[in-house]
């Protein structure tokens, strides 16, 4: 039987990791939505050669991939939260069964 304190410590550690991942994902999304589109427009406006179009095309492709990855991270964070809550509940339920067991 696990002690309640160890269950809480495991859950809070996972919750802290999830919070950090969520914070980093939010920062990534803010960066992507903030400065990068402006920089791409600035590059296109100041550079009028064929290579500028190629560069912007690659930047847009990379930008869209990063946005997709950030969205996938958000989904993963939600899944981590759901699973961790289920495991926490199961641990508490198992502990309750062990405490109330009669022989």
C-alpha atoms as a PDB file:
ATOM      1  CA  UNK A   1       0.000   0.000   0.000  1.00  0.00           C
ATOM      2  CA  UNK A   2       1.305   3.437  -0.889  1.00  0.00           C
ATOM      3  CA  UNK A   3       1.195   6.229   1.600  1.00  0.00           C
ATOM      4  CA  UNK A   4      -1.114   9.126   0.869  1.00  0.00           C
ATOM      5  CA  UNK A   5       1.834  11.514   0.968  1.00  0.00           C
ATOM      6  CA  UNK A   6       3.686   9.618  -1.785  1.00  0.00           C
ATOM      7  CA  UNK A   7       0.539   9.619  -3.929  1.00  0.00           C
ATOM      8  CA  UNK A   8       0.241  13.394  -3.466  1.00  0.00           C
ATOM      9  CA  UNK A   9       3.938  13.923  -4.243  1.00  0.00           C
ATOM     10  CA  UNK A  10       3.735  11.851  -7.439  1.00  0.00           C
ATOM     11  CA  UNK A  11       0.598  13.669  -8.548  1.00  0.00           C
ATOM     12  CA  UNK A  12       1.966  17.129  -7.764  1.00  0.00           C
ATOM     13  CA  UNK A  13       5.212  16.331  -9.619  1.00  0.00           C
ATOM     14  CA  UNK A  14       3.269  15.307 -12.697  1.00  0.00           C
ATOM     15  CA  UNK A  15       1.032  18.339 -12.339  1.00  0.00           C
ATOM     16  CA  UNK A  16       4.091  20.630 -12.134  1.00  0.00           C
ATOM     17  CA  UNK A  17       5.551  19.066 -15.286  1.00  0.00           C
ATOM     18  CA  UNK A  18       2.220  19.490 -17.069  1.00  0.00           C
ATOM     19  CA  UNK A  19       2.039  23.131 -15.976  1.00  0.00           C
ATOM     20  CA  UNK A  20       5.561  23.808 -17.227  1.00  0.00           C
ATOM     21  CA  UNK A  21       4.808  22.168 -20.574  1.00  0.00           C
ATOM     22  CA  UNK A  22       1.616  24.213 -20.821  1.00  0.00           C
ATOM     23  CA  UNK A  23       3.499  27.423 -20.075  1.00  0.00           C
ATOM     24  CA  UNK A  24       6.143  26.659 -22.703  1.00  0.00           C
ATOM     25  CA  UNK A  25       3.454  25.829 -25.252  1.00  0.00           C
ATOM     26  CA  UNK A  26       1.685  29.116 -24.544  1.00  0.00           C
ATOM     27  CA  UNK A  27       4.964  30.996 -24.990  1.00  0.00           C
ATOM     28  CA  UNK A  28       5.568  29.205 -28.297  1.00  0.00           C
ATOM     29  CA  UNK A  29       2.085  30.097 -29.528  1.00  0.00           C
ATOM     30  CA  UNK A  30       2.469  33.720 -28.407  1.00  0.00           C
ATOM     31  CA  UNK A  31       5.814  33.980 -30.197  1.00  0.00           C
ATOM     32  CA  UNK A  32       4.409  32.412 -33.346  1.00  0.00           C
ATOM     33  CA  UNK A  33       1.353  34.638 -33.422  1.00  0.00           C
ATOM     34  CA  UNK A  34       3.174  37.796 -32.412  1.00  0.00           C
ATOM     35  CA  UNK A  35       6.461  38.679 -34.014  1.00  0.00           C
ATOM     36  CA  UNK A  36       6.992  36.087 -36.729  1.00  0.00           C
ATOM     37  CA  UNK A  37       4.197  37.115 -39.143  1.00  0.00           C
ATOM     38  CA  UNK A  38       5.404  40.722 -38.871  1.00  0.00           C
ATOM     39  CA  UNK A  39       8.973  39.661 -39.673  1.00  0.00           C
ATOM     40  CA  UNK A  40       7.828  37.675 -42.712  1.00  0.00           C
ATOM     41  CA  UNK A  41       5.890  40.688 -44.038  1.00  0.00           C
ATOM     42  CA  UNK A  42       8.869  42.908 -43.336  1.00  0.00           C
ATOM     43  CA  UNK A  43      11.191  40.583 -45.270  1.00  0.00           C
ATOM     44  CA  UNK A  44       8.822  40.450 -48.224  1.00  0.00           C
ATOM     45  CA  UNK A  45       8.373  44.219 -48.222  1.00  0.00           C
ATOM     46  CA  UNK A  46      12.109  44.991 -48.138  1.00  0.00           C
ATOM     47  CA  UNK A  47      13.431  42.294 -50.436  1.00  0.00           C
ATOM     48  CA  UNK A  48      12.190  42.155 -54.002  1.00  0.00           C
ATOM     49  CA  UNK A  49      14.135  39.309 -55.567  1.00  0.00           C
ATOM     50  CA  UNK A  50      13.000  35.828 -56.532  1.00  0.00           C
ATOM     51  CA  UNK A  51      14.890  34.358 -53.591  1.00  0.00           C
ATOM     52  CA  UNK A  52      12.692  36.402 -51.225  1.00  0.00           C
ATOM     53  CA  UNK A  53       9.631  34.517 -52.432  1.00  0.00           C
ATOM     54  CA  UNK A  54      11.434  31.209 -51.898  1.00  0.00           C
ATOM     55  CA  UNK A  55      12.491  32.225 -48.389  1.00  0.00           C
ATOM     56  CA  UNK A  56       9.005  33.439 -47.469  1.00  0.00           C
ATOM     57  CA  UNK A  57       7.508  30.207 -48.810  1.00  0.00           C
ATOM     58  CA  UNK A  58       9.804  28.163 -46.584  1.00  0.00           C
ATOM     59  CA  UNK A  59       9.143  30.450 -43.613  1.00  0.00           C
ATOM     60  CA  UNK A  60       5.387  30.084 -44.042  1.00  0.00           C
ATOM     61  CA  UNK A  61       5.709  26.304 -44.291  1.00  0.00           C
ATOM     62  CA  UNK A  62       7.806  26.154 -41.117  1.00  0.00           C
ATOM     63  CA  UNK A  63       5.473  28.596 -39.360  1.00  0.00           C
ATOM     64  CA  UNK A  64       2.426  26.445 -40.139  1.00  0.00           C
ATOM     65  CA  UNK A  65       4.218  23.289 -38.972  1.00  0.00           C
ATOM     66  CA  UNK A  66       5.131  24.965 -35.681  1.00  0.00           C
ATOM     67  CA  UNK A  67       1.531  26.081 -35.165  1.00  0.00           C
ATOM     68  CA  UNK A  68       0.365  22.499 -35.746  1.00  0.00           C
ATOM     69  CA  UNK A  69       2.946  21.167 -33.289  1.00  0.00           C
ATOM     70  CA  UNK A  70       1.849  23.698 -30.660  1.00  0.00           C
ATOM     71  CA  UNK A  71      -1.760  22.570 -31.123  1.00  0.00           C
ATOM     72  CA  UNK A  72      -0.685  18.932 -30.741  1.00  0.00           C
ATOM     73  CA  UNK A  73       1.165  19.850 -27.550  1.00  0.00           C
ATOM     74  CA  UNK A  74      -2.031  21.401 -26.182  1.00  0.00           C
ATOM     75  CA  UNK A  75      -3.869  18.153 -26.919  1.00  0.00           C
ATOM     76  CA  UNK A  76      -1.103  16.160 -25.239  1.00  0.00           C
ATOM     77  CA  UNK A  77      -1.272  18.394 -22.171  1.00  0.00           C
ATOM     78  CA  UNK A  78      -5.010  17.777 -21.899  1.00  0.00           C
ATOM     79  CA  UNK A  79      -4.465  14.021 -22.195  1.00  0.00           C
ATOM     80  CA  UNK A  80      -1.755  14.107 -19.521  1.00  0.00           C
ATOM     81  CA  UNK A  81      -4.109  15.943 -17.197  1.00  0.00           C
ATOM     82  CA  UNK A  82      -6.971  13.502 -17.794  1.00  0.00           C
ATOM     83  CA  UNK A  83      -4.812  10.416 -17.312  1.00  0.00           C
ATOM     84  CA  UNK A  84      -3.073  11.805 -14.232  1.00  0.00           C
ATOM     85  CA  UNK A  85      -6.418  12.566 -12.597  1.00  0.00           C
ATOM     86  CA  UNK A  86      -7.642   9.039 -13.342  1.00  0.00           C
ATOM     87  CA  UNK A  87      -4.459   7.522 -11.914  1.00  0.00           C
ATOM     88  CA  UNK A  88      -4.711   9.739  -8.830  1.00  0.00           C
ATOM     89  CA  UNK A  89      -8.326   8.677  -8.283  1.00  0.00           C
ATOM     90  CA  UNK A  90      -7.402   5.016  -8.791  1.00  0.00           C
ATOM     91  CA  UNK A  91      -4.535   5.312  -6.298  1.00  0.00           C
ATOM     92  CA  UNK A  92      -6.836   6.843  -3.710  1.00  0.00           C
ATOM     93  CA  UNK A  93      -9.484   4.207  -4.348  1.00  0.00           C
ATOM     94  CA  UNK A  94      -6.898   1.424  -4.016  1.00  0.00           C
ATOM     95  CA  UNK A  95      -5.589   2.946  -0.814  1.00  0.00           C
ATOM     96  CA  UNK A  96      -9.125   3.122   0.551  1.00  0.00           C
ATOM     97  CA  UNK A  97      -9.691  -0.538  -0.285  1.00  0.00           C
ATOM     98  CA  UNK A  98      -6.448  -1.514   1.435  1.00  0.00           C
ATOM     99  CA  UNK A  99      -7.289   0.454   4.568  1.00  0.00           C
ATOM    100  CA  UNK A 100     -10.805  -0.961   4.838  1.00  0.00           C
ATOM    101  CA  UNK A 101      -9.816  -4.550   4.013  1.00  0.00           C
ATOM    102  CA  UNK A 102     -10.979  -7.062   6.550  1.00  0.00           C
ATOM    103  CA  UNK A 103      -9.584 -10.537   6.968  1.00  0.00           C
END
